[in-house]
Amino acid sequence: MFDDVARRYDITNDILSLGQDRRWRRDVIAAVQPAPGERVLDLAAGTGTSSQPFADRGAIVVPCDFSIGMLRVGKLARPHLAFTAGDGTRLPFADGTFDAVTISFGLRNIVDADQGLRELLRVTRPGGRLVVCEFSHPTWAPFREVYIEYLMKALPSIARAVSSSPDAYVYLAESIRAWPDQENLAQRLTASGWGEVRWRNLSGGIVALHHATA
């Protein structure tokens, strides 16, 4: 499915989020605070749009994704990045490899998200940090109703006009609606072994940034 959307993935996301995805990526970078020379894993990196800012700050970033199609598109656009194919439930890295790990809008798509969180913990050095950027639940009830209406009706319609695989965005809408809220995800992070778990809402809770420490 993700191979099919790879060609127009970045522009489709930009349109569907009304440009908010750029701000969310900046918030991820600010939360991770990558230092020059640090090793950063960007899981579910897709075409590497989320990875490039880490490299710009001097970090050694590894964009990792399950979709070969995404990696191919990314490698053509950013040949200097070390794109790596990997399953989120069985990451191809040694224990304690990374100073920081991050995943943006991809945790929902790992077949076993809790195992994915445990794998991210395994490859993070003691004291290292995690930032999860994921769709969540708007905090204001009236807005939440409007948002769900957009997800289930408007988003697939827009995707049909701009995406190379619009059916994938029907799955996207359904997966967002079914995803746990901020507090429940925090509990799953704690249960997976992460410490100092906290979160911050973005765009009224449409997206949440969860921070944790290994």
N, C-alpha and C. Protein backbone atom coordinates (compact mmCIF):
# COMPACT_ATOMS: atom_id res chain seq x y z
N MET A 1 0.82 -1.21 0.00
CA MET A 1 0.00 0.00 0.00
C MET A 1 0.86 1.27 0.00
N PHE A 2 1.88 1.30 0.86
CA PHE A 2 2.72 2.50 0.95
C PHE A 2 3.62 2.64 -0.27
N ASP A 3 3.97 1.53 -0.91
CA ASP A 3 4.71 1.63 -2.16
C ASP A 3 3.90 2.40 -3.20
N ASP A 4 2.58 2.17 -3.19
CA ASP A 4 1.71 2.79 -4.20
C ASP A 4 1.58 4.30 -4.01
N VAL A 5 1.70 4.79 -2.79
CA VAL A 5 1.53 6.22 -2.55
C VAL A 5 2.84 6.99 -2.56
N ALA A 6 3.96 6.28 -2.71
CA ALA A 6 5.27 6.89 -2.52
C ALA A 6 5.52 8.08 -3.45
N ARG A 7 5.10 7.95 -4.72
CA ARG A 7 5.46 8.96 -5.72
C ARG A 7 4.93 10.35 -5.35
N ARG A 8 3.71 10.44 -4.84
CA ARG A 8 3.11 11.73 -4.51
C ARG A 8 2.85 11.87 -3.00
N TYR A 9 3.58 11.11 -2.22
CA TYR A 9 3.31 11.04 -0.78
C TYR A 9 3.49 12.39 -0.09
N ASP A 10 4.60 13.06 -0.32
CA ASP A 10 4.89 14.30 0.39
C ASP A 10 3.91 15.41 0.02
N ILE A 11 3.62 15.57 -1.26
CA ILE A 11 2.72 16.64 -1.67
C ILE A 11 1.30 16.35 -1.21
N THR A 12 0.89 15.08 -1.20
CA THR A 12 -0.45 14.73 -0.71
C THR A 12 -0.59 15.05 0.77
N ASN A 13 0.42 14.71 1.55
CA ASN A 13 0.37 15.01 2.98
C ASN A 13 0.29 16.50 3.24
N ASP A 14 1.02 17.27 2.44
CA ASP A 14 1.03 18.72 2.60
C ASP A 14 -0.37 19.29 2.35
N ILE A 15 -1.04 18.78 1.33
CA ILE A 15 -2.37 19.27 0.99
C ILE A 15 -3.40 18.83 2.04
N LEU A 16 -3.36 17.56 2.42
CA LEU A 16 -4.36 17.04 3.35
C LEU A 16 -4.24 17.66 4.74
N SER A 17 -3.02 18.03 5.13
CA SER A 17 -2.83 18.64 6.46
C SER A 17 -2.94 20.15 6.41
N LEU A 18 -3.24 20.71 5.24
CA LEU A 18 -3.32 22.16 5.05
C LEU A 18 -2.00 22.83 5.43
N GLY A 19 -0.90 22.14 5.14
CA GLY A 19 0.43 22.68 5.39
C GLY A 19 0.92 22.52 6.82
N GLN A 20 0.08 21.96 7.70
CA GLN A 20 0.47 21.81 9.09
C GLN A 20 1.59 20.80 9.29
N ASP A 21 1.76 19.87 8.35
CA ASP A 21 2.79 18.85 8.51
C ASP A 21 4.19 19.46 8.60
N ARG A 22 4.40 20.60 7.97
CA ARG A 22 5.71 21.26 8.05
C ARG A 22 5.97 21.76 9.47
N ARG A 23 4.96 22.35 10.07
CA ARG A 23 5.10 22.81 11.45
C ARG A 23 5.32 21.63 12.38
N TRP A 24 4.59 20.54 12.18
CA TRP A 24 4.74 19.36 13.05
C TRP A 24 6.16 18.80 12.96
N ARG A 25 6.74 18.80 11.76
CA ARG A 25 8.12 18.31 11.63
C ARG A 25 9.08 19.20 12.40
N ARG A 26 8.86 20.51 12.35
CA ARG A 26 9.71 21.42 13.13
C ARG A 26 9.58 21.16 14.62
N ASP A 27 8.38 20.85 15.07
CA ASP A 27 8.17 20.55 16.48
C ASP A 27 8.89 19.27 16.90
N VAL A 28 8.93 18.29 16.01
CA VAL A 28 9.66 17.05 16.30
C VAL A 28 11.15 17.35 16.49
N ILE A 29 11.72 18.11 15.58
CA ILE A 29 13.14 18.45 15.68
C ILE A 29 13.42 19.18 16.99
N ALA A 30 12.56 20.13 17.33
CA ALA A 30 12.75 20.87 18.58
C ALA A 30 12.65 19.96 19.79
N ALA A 31 11.78 18.95 19.72
CA ALA A 31 11.62 18.03 20.84
C ALA A 31 12.81 17.09 20.98
N VAL A 32 13.33 16.61 19.87
CA VAL A 32 14.47 15.69 19.90
C VAL A 32 15.75 16.43 20.29
N GLN A 33 15.89 17.67 19.82
CA GLN A 33 17.10 18.47 20.07
C GLN A 33 18.37 17.71 19.68
N PRO A 34 18.49 17.34 18.41
CA PRO A 34 19.66 16.58 17.98
C PRO A 34 20.93 17.42 18.06
N ALA A 35 21.98 16.81 18.55
CA ALA A 35 23.28 17.48 18.63
C ALA A 35 24.18 16.95 17.53
N PRO A 36 25.13 17.75 17.05
CA PRO A 36 26.07 17.27 16.03
C PRO A 36 26.76 15.98 16.48
N GLY A 37 26.78 15.02 15.59
CA GLY A 37 27.44 13.75 15.87
C GLY A 37 26.57 12.71 16.55
N GLU A 38 25.40 13.10 17.04
CA GLU A 38 24.51 12.11 17.65
C GLU A 38 23.92 11.19 16.58
N ARG A 39 23.67 9.95 16.98
CA ARG A 39 23.04 8.99 16.08
C ARG A 39 21.53 9.00 16.34
N VAL A 40 20.76 9.24 15.29
CA VAL A 40 19.31 9.36 15.39
C VAL A 40 18.66 8.37 14.43
N LEU A 41 17.72 7.59 14.94
CA LEU A 41 16.91 6.71 14.10
C LEU A 41 15.59 7.40 13.81
N ASP A 42 15.27 7.55 12.54
CA ASP A 42 13.97 8.09 12.12
C ASP A 42 13.19 6.94 11.52
N LEU A 43 12.37 6.30 12.34
CA LEU A 43 11.60 5.13 11.90
C LEU A 43 10.34 5.57 11.18
N ALA A 44 9.93 4.77 10.19
CA ALA A 44 8.80 5.13 9.32
C ALA A 44 9.09 6.45 8.61
N ALA A 45 10.33 6.58 8.17
CA ALA A 45 10.80 7.84 7.59
C ALA A 45 10.26 8.10 6.20
N GLY A 46 9.70 7.09 5.56
CA GLY A 46 9.16 7.29 4.22
C GLY A 46 10.23 7.75 3.25
N THR A 47 10.02 8.90 2.63
CA THR A 47 10.95 9.42 1.62
C THR A 47 12.07 10.27 2.23
N GLY A 48 12.09 10.34 3.56
CA GLY A 48 13.19 11.06 4.22
C GLY A 48 12.95 12.53 4.45
N THR A 49 11.73 13.01 4.17
CA THR A 49 11.43 14.42 4.43
C THR A 49 11.62 14.76 5.90
N SER A 50 11.24 13.84 6.78
CA SER A 50 11.39 14.07 8.22
C SER A 50 12.82 13.88 8.69
N SER A 51 13.66 13.22 7.89
CA SER A 51 15.03 12.89 8.29
C SER A 51 16.01 14.01 7.97
N GLN A 52 15.79 14.69 6.87
CA GLN A 52 16.75 15.70 6.41
C GLN A 52 17.06 16.76 7.46
N PRO A 53 16.07 17.26 8.22
CA PRO A 53 16.40 18.29 9.23
C PRO A 53 17.38 17.81 10.30
N PHE A 54 17.39 16.51 10.61
CA PHE A 54 18.37 16.00 11.55
C PHE A 54 19.77 16.10 10.97
N ALA A 55 19.90 15.73 9.69
CA ALA A 55 21.20 15.82 9.03
C ALA A 55 21.65 17.28 8.93
N ASP A 56 20.70 18.19 8.70
CA ASP A 56 21.03 19.61 8.60
C ASP A 56 21.63 20.14 9.90
N ARG A 57 21.29 19.49 11.00
CA ARG A 57 21.81 19.91 12.31
C ARG A 57 23.04 19.13 12.74
N GLY A 58 23.58 18.34 11.83
CA GLY A 58 24.83 17.65 12.09
C GLY A 58 24.70 16.28 12.72
N ALA A 59 23.47 15.80 12.91
CA ALA A 59 23.28 14.46 13.46
C ALA A 59 23.52 13.41 12.37
N ILE A 60 23.84 12.20 12.81
CA ILE A 60 23.97 11.06 11.90
C ILE A 60 22.62 10.35 11.91
N VAL A 61 21.80 10.65 10.91
CA VAL A 61 20.43 10.15 10.91
C VAL A 61 20.31 8.93 10.00
N VAL A 62 19.55 7.95 10.47
CA VAL A 62 19.26 6.75 9.68
C VAL A 62 17.75 6.72 9.41
N PRO A 63 17.34 7.04 8.17
CA PRO A 63 15.92 6.91 7.83
C PRO A 63 15.61 5.44 7.58
N CYS A 64 14.63 4.90 8.29
CA CYS A 64 14.29 3.48 8.20
C CYS A 64 12.81 3.34 7.89
N ASP A 65 12.48 2.46 6.96
CA ASP A 65 11.08 2.26 6.59
C ASP A 65 10.88 0.84 6.06
N PHE A 66 9.64 0.36 6.21
CA PHE A 66 9.29 -0.98 5.73
C PHE A 66 9.04 -0.98 4.23
N SER A 67 8.65 0.18 3.68
CA SER A 67 8.26 0.28 2.27
C SER A 67 9.47 0.52 1.37
N ILE A 68 9.77 -0.44 0.53
CA ILE A 68 10.88 -0.30 -0.41
C ILE A 68 10.58 0.82 -1.41
N GLY A 69 9.31 0.96 -1.79
CA GLY A 69 8.94 2.02 -2.72
C GLY A 69 9.24 3.40 -2.16
N MET A 70 8.93 3.59 -0.88
CA MET A 70 9.23 4.86 -0.23
C MET A 70 10.74 5.11 -0.20
N LEU A 71 11.49 4.08 0.14
CA LEU A 71 12.94 4.23 0.24
C LEU A 71 13.55 4.57 -1.12
N ARG A 72 13.04 3.98 -2.17
CA ARG A 72 13.57 4.26 -3.51
C ARG A 72 13.33 5.72 -3.90
N VAL A 73 12.11 6.20 -3.65
CA VAL A 73 11.81 7.61 -3.95
C VAL A 73 12.69 8.53 -3.11
N GLY A 74 12.84 8.18 -1.83
CA GLY A 74 13.67 8.99 -0.95
C GLY A 74 15.12 9.01 -1.36
N LYS A 75 15.64 7.86 -1.77
CA LYS A 75 17.06 7.79 -2.14
C LYS A 75 17.36 8.60 -3.39
N LEU A 76 16.39 8.66 -4.30
CA LEU A 76 16.57 9.48 -5.50
C LEU A 76 16.64 10.96 -5.13
N ALA A 77 15.82 11.37 -4.17
CA ALA A 77 15.76 12.78 -3.78
C ALA A 77 16.89 13.17 -2.83
N ARG A 78 17.31 12.21 -1.99
CA ARG A 78 18.30 12.51 -0.94
C ARG A 78 19.34 11.39 -0.89
N PRO A 79 20.18 11.29 -1.90
CA PRO A 79 21.12 10.16 -1.98
C PRO A 79 22.16 10.15 -0.87
N HIS A 80 22.34 11.25 -0.16
CA HIS A 80 23.34 11.33 0.90
C HIS A 80 22.86 10.71 2.21
N LEU A 81 21.57 10.39 2.32
CA LEU A 81 21.05 9.80 3.55
C LEU A 81 21.15 8.28 3.51
N ALA A 82 21.36 7.68 4.68
CA ALA A 82 21.57 6.23 4.78
C ALA A 82 20.24 5.50 4.93
N PHE A 83 19.43 5.53 3.88
CA PHE A 83 18.13 4.85 3.92
C PHE A 83 18.32 3.36 4.19
N THR A 84 17.48 2.82 5.09
CA THR A 84 17.60 1.43 5.51
C THR A 84 16.22 0.79 5.56
N ALA A 85 16.08 -0.37 4.95
CA ALA A 85 14.83 -1.12 5.02
C ALA A 85 14.76 -1.83 6.37
N GLY A 86 13.59 -1.75 7.01
CA GLY A 86 13.46 -2.40 8.31
C GLY A 86 12.03 -2.55 8.75
N ASP A 87 11.76 -3.65 9.44
CA ASP A 87 10.46 -3.94 10.04
C ASP A 87 10.46 -3.37 11.46
N GLY A 88 9.46 -2.54 11.78
CA GLY A 88 9.41 -1.91 13.09
C GLY A 88 9.34 -2.87 14.25
N THR A 89 8.92 -4.11 14.00
CA THR A 89 8.86 -5.09 15.09
C THR A 89 10.14 -5.90 15.22
N ARG A 90 11.07 -5.74 14.25
CA ARG A 90 12.36 -6.45 14.29
C ARG A 90 13.40 -5.55 13.62
N LEU A 91 13.81 -4.54 14.32
CA LEU A 91 14.71 -3.56 13.72
C LEU A 91 16.10 -4.15 13.47
N PRO A 92 16.71 -3.79 12.33
CA PRO A 92 18.01 -4.37 11.96
C PRO A 92 19.19 -3.62 12.56
N PHE A 93 19.11 -3.32 13.87
CA PHE A 93 20.17 -2.58 14.54
C PHE A 93 20.50 -3.24 15.87
N ALA A 94 21.73 -3.06 16.31
CA ALA A 94 22.18 -3.64 17.57
C ALA A 94 21.58 -2.87 18.75
N ASP A 95 21.61 -3.51 19.91
CA ASP A 95 21.13 -2.86 21.13
C ASP A 95 21.91 -1.57 21.39
N GLY A 96 21.20 -0.54 21.84
CA GLY A 96 21.85 0.69 22.27
C GLY A 96 22.57 1.47 21.18
N THR A 97 22.12 1.34 19.94
CA THR A 97 22.81 1.98 18.81
C THR A 97 22.61 3.49 18.78
N PHE A 98 21.44 3.98 19.18
CA PHE A 98 21.07 5.37 18.90
C PHE A 98 20.96 6.21 20.17
N ASP A 99 21.32 7.49 20.02
CA ASP A 99 21.14 8.46 21.08
C ASP A 99 19.69 8.92 21.18
N ALA A 100 19.00 8.92 20.05
CA ALA A 100 17.60 9.33 20.01
C ALA A 100 16.89 8.55 18.91
N VAL A 101 15.63 8.25 19.15
CA VAL A 101 14.80 7.57 18.15
C VAL A 101 13.50 8.35 18.02
N THR A 102 12.96 8.37 16.83
CA THR A 102 11.72 9.10 16.60
C THR A 102 10.90 8.39 15.54
N ILE A 103 9.61 8.54 15.63
CA ILE A 103 8.71 8.00 14.63
C ILE A 103 7.54 8.97 14.47
N SER A 104 7.30 9.40 13.25
CA SER A 104 6.24 10.38 12.97
C SER A 104 5.18 9.76 12.07
N PHE A 105 3.97 9.68 12.59
CA PHE A 105 2.81 9.19 11.83
C PHE A 105 3.03 7.78 11.29
N GLY A 106 3.78 6.97 12.04
CA GLY A 106 4.04 5.61 11.59
C GLY A 106 3.75 4.55 12.63
N LEU A 107 3.62 4.94 13.88
CA LEU A 107 3.41 3.93 14.93
C LEU A 107 2.10 3.18 14.71
N ARG A 108 1.06 3.89 14.22
CA ARG A 108 -0.23 3.25 13.93
C ARG A 108 -0.09 2.14 12.90
N ASN A 109 0.91 2.27 12.03
CA ASN A 109 1.03 1.35 10.90
C ASN A 109 1.90 0.14 11.19
N ILE A 110 2.52 0.09 12.36
CA ILE A 110 3.27 -1.10 12.75
C ILE A 110 2.26 -2.15 13.21
N VAL A 111 2.39 -3.35 12.70
CA VAL A 111 1.38 -4.38 12.96
C VAL A 111 1.20 -4.65 14.45
N ASP A 112 2.27 -4.53 15.22
CA ASP A 112 2.21 -4.66 16.67
C ASP A 112 2.92 -3.43 17.25
N ALA A 113 2.13 -2.38 17.53
CA ALA A 113 2.72 -1.11 17.95
C ALA A 113 3.48 -1.24 19.26
N ASP A 114 3.00 -2.07 20.17
CA ASP A 114 3.69 -2.23 21.46
C ASP A 114 5.05 -2.90 21.27
N GLN A 115 5.11 -3.89 20.38
CA GLN A 115 6.40 -4.49 20.06
C GLN A 115 7.31 -3.48 19.39
N GLY A 116 6.73 -2.61 18.56
CA GLY A 116 7.52 -1.56 17.94
C GLY A 116 8.13 -0.62 18.98
N LEU A 117 7.37 -0.29 20.02
CA LEU A 117 7.89 0.55 21.09
C LEU A 117 9.01 -0.14 21.85
N ARG A 118 8.86 -1.45 22.06
CA ARG A 118 9.91 -2.21 22.75
C ARG A 118 11.17 -2.28 21.90
N GLU A 119 11.01 -2.42 20.59
CA GLU A 119 12.17 -2.45 19.70
C GLU A 119 12.89 -1.10 19.68
N LEU A 120 12.12 -0.03 19.66
CA LEU A 120 12.75 1.30 19.71
C LEU A 120 13.54 1.47 21.01
N LEU A 121 12.99 0.94 22.10
CA LEU A 121 13.72 1.00 23.38
C LEU A 121 15.00 0.18 23.31
N ARG A 122 14.93 -0.98 22.69
CA ARG A 122 16.10 -1.87 22.61
C ARG A 122 17.26 -1.20 21.89
N VAL A 123 16.97 -0.46 20.82
CA VAL A 123 18.06 0.10 20.02
C VAL A 123 18.50 1.48 20.52
N THR A 124 17.90 1.96 21.60
CA THR A 124 18.26 3.25 22.18
C THR A 124 19.22 3.05 23.35
N ARG A 125 20.26 3.85 23.42
CA ARG A 125 21.21 3.73 24.53
C ARG A 125 20.53 4.12 25.84
N PRO A 126 20.98 3.62 26.98
CA PRO A 126 20.44 4.04 28.27
C PRO A 126 20.53 5.56 28.42
N GLY A 127 19.43 6.17 28.80
CA GLY A 127 19.38 7.62 28.91
C GLY A 127 19.02 8.33 27.62
N GLY A 128 18.94 7.57 26.52
CA GLY A 128 18.54 8.16 25.25
C GLY A 128 17.08 8.53 25.25
N ARG A 129 16.63 9.15 24.18
CA ARG A 129 15.29 9.71 24.18
C ARG A 129 14.47 9.29 22.96
N LEU A 130 13.18 9.31 23.17
CA LEU A 130 12.20 8.96 22.15
C LEU A 130 11.23 10.11 21.97
N VAL A 131 10.89 10.40 20.70
CA VAL A 131 9.79 11.32 20.40
C VAL A 131 8.87 10.63 19.40
N VAL A 132 7.61 10.50 19.78
CA VAL A 132 6.58 9.94 18.90
C VAL A 132 5.66 11.08 18.49
N CYS A 133 5.55 11.31 17.21
CA CYS A 133 4.60 12.29 16.68
C CYS A 133 3.50 11.50 15.97
N GLU A 134 2.29 11.61 16.48
CA GLU A 134 1.22 10.77 15.93
C GLU A 134 -0.11 11.52 16.01
N PHE A 135 -1.00 11.19 15.08
CA PHE A 135 -2.35 11.72 15.16
C PHE A 135 -2.98 11.30 16.48
N SER A 136 -3.83 12.18 17.03
CA SER A 136 -4.41 11.89 18.33
C SER A 136 -5.85 12.38 18.38
N HIS A 137 -6.32 12.75 19.57
CA HIS A 137 -7.72 13.11 19.75
C HIS A 137 -7.83 14.60 20.10
N PRO A 138 -8.48 15.40 19.27
CA PRO A 138 -8.68 16.81 19.61
C PRO A 138 -9.29 16.96 21.00
N THR A 139 -8.83 17.95 21.73
CA THR A 139 -9.23 18.08 23.14
C THR A 139 -10.56 18.80 23.32
N TRP A 140 -11.01 19.57 22.32
CA TRP A 140 -12.27 20.31 22.41
C TRP A 140 -13.35 19.50 21.69
N ALA A 141 -14.37 19.05 22.42
CA ALA A 141 -15.36 18.12 21.89
C ALA A 141 -16.04 18.60 20.60
N PRO A 142 -16.50 19.86 20.51
CA PRO A 142 -17.14 20.29 19.24
C PRO A 142 -16.19 20.19 18.05
N PHE A 143 -14.93 20.59 18.27
CA PHE A 143 -13.95 20.49 17.18
C PHE A 143 -13.67 19.03 16.82
N ARG A 144 -13.66 18.16 17.83
CA ARG A 144 -13.41 16.74 17.58
C ARG A 144 -14.44 16.17 16.62
N GLU A 145 -15.72 16.58 16.76
CA GLU A 145 -16.77 16.09 15.86
C GLU A 145 -16.53 16.57 14.43
N VAL A 146 -16.15 17.83 14.28
CA VAL A 146 -15.85 18.36 12.94
C VAL A 146 -14.66 17.63 12.33
N TYR A 147 -13.65 17.38 13.16
CA TYR A 147 -12.44 16.71 12.69
C TYR A 147 -12.74 15.30 12.20
N ILE A 148 -13.53 14.56 12.95
CA ILE A 148 -13.89 13.19 12.54
C ILE A 148 -14.67 13.22 11.23
N GLU A 149 -15.54 14.20 11.09
CA GLU A 149 -16.31 14.34 9.85
C GLU A 149 -15.36 14.58 8.67
N TYR A 150 -14.34 15.42 8.87
CA TYR A 150 -13.35 15.68 7.82
C TYR A 150 -12.58 14.40 7.48
N LEU A 151 -12.17 13.68 8.51
CA LEU A 151 -11.40 12.46 8.29
C LEU A 151 -12.16 11.46 7.43
N MET A 152 -13.41 11.22 7.79
CA MET A 152 -14.15 10.14 7.18
C MET A 152 -14.77 10.51 5.83
N LYS A 153 -14.96 11.80 5.56
CA LYS A 153 -15.63 12.20 4.32
C LYS A 153 -14.72 13.05 3.41
N ALA A 154 -14.21 14.13 3.96
CA ALA A 154 -13.45 15.05 3.10
C ALA A 154 -12.09 14.50 2.73
N LEU A 155 -11.38 13.89 3.70
CA LEU A 155 -10.02 13.43 3.43
C LEU A 155 -9.96 12.44 2.26
N PRO A 156 -10.79 11.38 2.23
CA PRO A 156 -10.72 10.47 1.08
C PRO A 156 -11.06 11.15 -0.24
N SER A 157 -11.99 12.12 -0.20
CA SER A 157 -12.36 12.82 -1.44
C SER A 157 -11.19 13.64 -1.98
N ILE A 158 -10.52 14.36 -1.08
CA ILE A 158 -9.35 15.14 -1.49
C ILE A 158 -8.25 14.22 -2.00
N ALA A 159 -8.05 13.11 -1.31
CA ALA A 159 -7.01 12.17 -1.71
C ALA A 159 -7.25 11.63 -3.11
N ARG A 160 -8.50 11.44 -3.48
CA ARG A 160 -8.78 10.94 -4.83
C ARG A 160 -8.30 11.91 -5.89
N ALA A 161 -8.25 13.19 -5.55
CA ALA A 161 -7.84 14.21 -6.52
C ALA A 161 -6.33 14.37 -6.60
N VAL A 162 -5.61 14.07 -5.51
CA VAL A 162 -4.18 14.41 -5.49
C VAL A 162 -3.25 13.22 -5.28
N SER A 163 -3.76 12.11 -4.78
CA SER A 163 -2.88 10.99 -4.43
C SER A 163 -2.74 10.00 -5.58
N SER A 164 -1.59 9.31 -5.60
CA SER A 164 -1.39 8.24 -6.59
C SER A 164 -2.08 6.95 -6.16
N SER A 165 -2.58 6.87 -4.94
CA SER A 165 -3.31 5.70 -4.46
C SER A 165 -4.33 6.15 -3.41
N PRO A 166 -5.46 6.70 -3.84
CA PRO A 166 -6.42 7.29 -2.89
C PRO A 166 -7.00 6.29 -1.90
N ASP A 167 -7.11 5.01 -2.27
CA ASP A 167 -7.67 4.03 -1.34
C ASP A 167 -6.85 3.94 -0.06
N ALA A 168 -5.56 4.21 -0.15
CA ALA A 168 -4.71 4.16 1.04
C ALA A 168 -5.15 5.18 2.07
N TYR A 169 -5.75 6.28 1.62
CA TYR A 169 -6.14 7.33 2.55
C TYR A 169 -7.47 7.03 3.22
N VAL A 170 -8.24 6.10 2.68
CA VAL A 170 -9.41 5.59 3.41
C VAL A 170 -8.91 4.83 4.63
N TYR A 171 -7.89 3.99 4.42
CA TYR A 171 -7.26 3.30 5.56
C TYR A 171 -6.70 4.30 6.56
N LEU A 172 -6.06 5.36 6.06
CA LEU A 172 -5.49 6.37 6.93
C LEU A 172 -6.55 6.97 7.85
N ALA A 173 -7.68 7.37 7.29
CA ALA A 173 -8.75 7.96 8.08
C ALA A 173 -9.26 6.99 9.14
N GLU A 174 -9.45 5.73 8.75
CA GLU A 174 -9.97 4.75 9.70
C GLU A 174 -8.96 4.45 10.81
N SER A 175 -7.67 4.41 10.46
CA SER A 175 -6.65 4.11 11.46
C SER A 175 -6.50 5.26 12.46
N ILE A 176 -6.66 6.49 11.99
CA ILE A 176 -6.59 7.65 12.89
C ILE A 176 -7.76 7.62 13.88
N ARG A 177 -8.93 7.34 13.37
CA ARG A 177 -10.12 7.32 14.23
C ARG A 177 -10.01 6.24 15.31
N ALA A 178 -9.37 5.12 14.97
CA ALA A 178 -9.27 4.00 15.91
C ALA A 178 -8.09 4.11 16.88
N TRP A 179 -7.20 5.07 16.66
CA TRP A 179 -5.97 5.17 17.45
C TRP A 179 -6.27 5.66 18.86
N PRO A 180 -5.54 5.18 19.88
CA PRO A 180 -5.80 5.60 21.26
C PRO A 180 -5.51 7.08 21.48
N ASP A 181 -6.13 7.63 22.52
CA ASP A 181 -5.91 9.03 22.84
C ASP A 181 -4.57 9.24 23.53
N GLN A 182 -4.28 10.47 23.88
CA GLN A 182 -2.97 10.85 24.40
C GLN A 182 -2.60 10.07 25.66
N GLU A 183 -3.51 9.99 26.60
CA GLU A 183 -3.21 9.32 27.86
C GLU A 183 -3.01 7.82 27.67
N ASN A 184 -3.83 7.21 26.83
CA ASN A 184 -3.69 5.77 26.60
C ASN A 184 -2.38 5.43 25.91
N LEU A 185 -1.94 6.28 24.98
CA LEU A 185 -0.65 6.03 24.34
C LEU A 185 0.47 6.19 25.35
N ALA A 186 0.36 7.18 26.23
CA ALA A 186 1.37 7.35 27.28
C ALA A 186 1.46 6.10 28.16
N GLN A 187 0.32 5.52 28.48
CA GLN A 187 0.31 4.30 29.28
C GLN A 187 0.99 3.14 28.55
N ARG A 188 0.78 3.06 27.25
CA ARG A 188 1.42 2.00 26.46
C ARG A 188 2.94 2.20 26.39
N LEU A 189 3.36 3.45 26.32
CA LEU A 189 4.80 3.72 26.35
C LEU A 189 5.41 3.26 27.67
N THR A 190 4.76 3.57 28.76
CA THR A 190 5.25 3.14 30.08
C THR A 190 5.27 1.62 30.19
N ALA A 191 4.21 0.98 29.71
CA ALA A 191 4.14 -0.48 29.76
C ALA A 191 5.22 -1.14 28.91
N SER A 192 5.68 -0.42 27.88
CA SER A 192 6.72 -0.95 27.00
C SER A 192 8.12 -0.75 27.56
N GLY A 193 8.24 -0.08 28.71
CA GLY A 193 9.53 0.07 29.37
C GLY A 193 10.13 1.46 29.32
N TRP A 194 9.47 2.41 28.65
CA TRP A 194 9.97 3.77 28.57
C TRP A 194 9.68 4.52 29.87
N GLY A 195 10.56 5.45 30.23
CA GLY A 195 10.38 6.24 31.43
C GLY A 195 10.18 7.71 31.13
N GLU A 196 9.80 8.47 32.15
CA GLU A 196 9.61 9.92 32.04
C GLU A 196 8.69 10.29 30.87
N VAL A 197 7.60 9.57 30.75
CA VAL A 197 6.69 9.76 29.61
C VAL A 197 5.84 11.01 29.83
N ARG A 198 5.76 11.83 28.80
CA ARG A 198 4.94 13.02 28.83
C ARG A 198 4.52 13.33 27.40
N TRP A 199 3.55 14.23 27.27
CA TRP A 199 3.12 14.58 25.91
C TRP A 199 2.72 16.04 25.84
N ARG A 200 2.69 16.53 24.59
CA ARG A 200 2.27 17.90 24.29
C ARG A 200 1.37 17.86 23.08
N ASN A 201 0.23 18.54 23.17
CA ASN A 201 -0.72 18.58 22.06
C ASN A 201 -0.30 19.63 21.04
N LEU A 202 -0.48 19.29 19.77
CA LEU A 202 -0.27 20.21 18.67
C LEU A 202 -1.58 20.36 17.91
N SER A 203 -1.83 21.56 17.40
CA SER A 203 -3.04 21.81 16.60
C SER A 203 -4.30 21.34 17.33
N GLY A 204 -4.39 21.68 18.61
CA GLY A 204 -5.59 21.36 19.38
C GLY A 204 -5.78 19.90 19.67
N GLY A 205 -4.70 19.12 19.57
CA GLY A 205 -4.81 17.69 19.84
C GLY A 205 -5.00 16.84 18.60
N ILE A 206 -5.05 17.46 17.42
CA ILE A 206 -5.06 16.65 16.19
C ILE A 206 -3.83 15.75 16.17
N VAL A 207 -2.72 16.30 16.64
CA VAL A 207 -1.45 15.59 16.74
C VAL A 207 -0.94 15.74 18.16
N ALA A 208 -0.26 14.71 18.66
CA ALA A 208 0.39 14.80 19.96
C ALA A 208 1.85 14.36 19.84
N LEU A 209 2.71 15.06 20.55
CA LEU A 209 4.12 14.67 20.66
C LEU A 209 4.31 14.00 22.01
N HIS A 210 4.67 12.72 22.00
CA HIS A 210 4.99 12.01 23.23
C HIS A 210 6.50 11.90 23.36
N HIS A 211 7.01 12.29 24.52
CA HIS A 211 8.43 12.22 24.83
C HIS A 211 8.65 11.12 25.87
N ALA A 212 9.78 10.44 25.79
CA ALA A 212 10.12 9.44 26.81
C ALA A 212 11.64 9.26 26.83
N THR A 213 12.10 8.59 27.89
CA THR A 213 13.53 8.36 28.08
C THR A 213 13.80 6.88 28.29
N ALA A 214 14.90 6.40 27.71
CA ALA A 214 15.24 4.97 27.85
C ALA A 214 15.81 4.69 29.24
